[in-house]
Each structure stands twice: as C-alpha cells, then as structure tokens.
Amino acid sequence: MPGPSPATPHGGSPSIHHPDYWWYRARSEMLRTVLEPYVGSPRRLLDVGSADGPSVGWLHASQKVSLDLDPRGLRPPTGICGSVLALPFVDAGFEVVSAFDVVEHCDPEQVALAELYRVLEPGGRLLLSVPAYQWAWSDHDVANGHHRRYTRPRAVAAVTAAGFEVLRATYGFSAVFPAFAAERAWRSMQHRVGRTGRSGPADVVELPSVSSPVERLLLGLCRLDRRALARRDLPFGSSVFLAAVKR
C-alpha cells in the first residue's frame, strides 16, 4: 500500500478557492453537532489550520485567533502565519484549540500534539478532526501533503499519549462512505495502471467536480449523519472527529 509522502509542506486548503464545496459544508454541520457541546463560552480560542474557514464559522469566542501556514486563508488582524509544530503563543494561553484536518499534515505527529497541549490551559478543550483509514491512502493524500490517515482507536491513542483525556471520538461521513470507498478503489486502480500519481504535494488541490443533483444527494446523506451524531457515535466513516480535555 502506498505510504506517506516526504515531509514537504503543501500549499493552501482547497476551500480557499471553493469555500462552498459540498464536503466543507457537510463537515461544518457534523463538526458543530459533535464538538459544539465541548466549546463552552471561551474568552480565548485558537483555530489552527484556519485557511479552512468554512468549517469553523460556528466557533465563537471573545478573542478568536487564527493560525495557518498559508496566509491566503487568513484574515488580519487575528490571522497569524505559523506552524503547529512551533506555535507562536505562550503556554496555557487558550481555553479552546481547534485543529480540523491538521495533524495528518504534521511530522512528527507527537510534536504537533505536544504544542496543542502546551498552549491550552488546564481544563482547556481540544477539538480535532483527521481523515480515516490508511487503506484509503491515494494520490489525493499525497497532493494534500498528508503523512498518515487514522482509525478512531489510533486517533484516541495519539491524543491520550499527548496527555489529554478524550471526551468523545466518532467517525463521520458514514452515509456517503460507500461512495468514498468506491472512489478510493478507482484511484488505486488508476494508479496501478499508471494513469495517476504524484511525487509530492500540490499548491492547492483540485477537488472532484460534482453535478447539482449529486451534490444535493451527498448533502442529504450527510444530514442523516448529522442527525445520528446528535444521539450516538458512528462505527465507520471517512473522517474521525474528537474532543478532549487537558488535565
């Protein structure tokens, strides 16, 4: 199975060019359903990877600080260009830190999680999402600058090893999972016959185009996920959503 690409940073999130893409809209709703109960009413909140703006509009705080490697998705004056591997903030400075589809870009993983832990105050909450299943690795991961994909137990173990107590961890995008698995199987087949393949990350990844009827179908299926996630965890899916607390 193909593995992670070399430690080369990718460029910006595709949401820079396509903020209304169906996947970002669906993920925002799911993230809010799963993680909003752990946000509370923070004074200071840090959103890491904030060039992915469409997924964090529901996060509110008296002072919301955004950080990303790519300045194109940041909004001054609270947008800061920087790396999660060396966060430019004091210890224990935030009550909530979010990192949505960020940690899979980081190597070493433990350094990124240690930095997220460091800047949270005791009792502070970490909100996290990562892509699921290493078997789903494809040229799309290479283009995105990923180093790994996760299972729910793998994500829980990594966050726990960093010193957090996990409050909730669930898969998401279960209803569209058959389509996801089929798409990844197709990508794998195309790669084997030499029709696709990348040697490194892209600047901004091209997203698969979908017709309006297909988009409506996908969003409708994702709403089923959101309703289910309001009541229980999901046993499989293409993403893992996690909330944890710093003890």
Foldseek 3Di string as FASTA:
>chain_A
DDAAAPLDAAAAELCLVVVPQLVLQLLLLQLCLQPVVLQPAWAEEEEENCLNPSNCPPDDHVHYAYEYCYCSSADPDRYYYDDLLDDPDAFQQTQEYEYEQHLQLDPPSLSSLLSVLGNHHAFGKYKYKHFADQVLDAQLCQQNNGRGGHDQVRVCVSNVVSQWAWDDKAAAAPLCAVVSVVVSVVRVVCVVVPNDHDNGYYNYDDDDDDDPVVSVVSSVSSVVRSVVSSPDGDPDHGMMITMIGHD
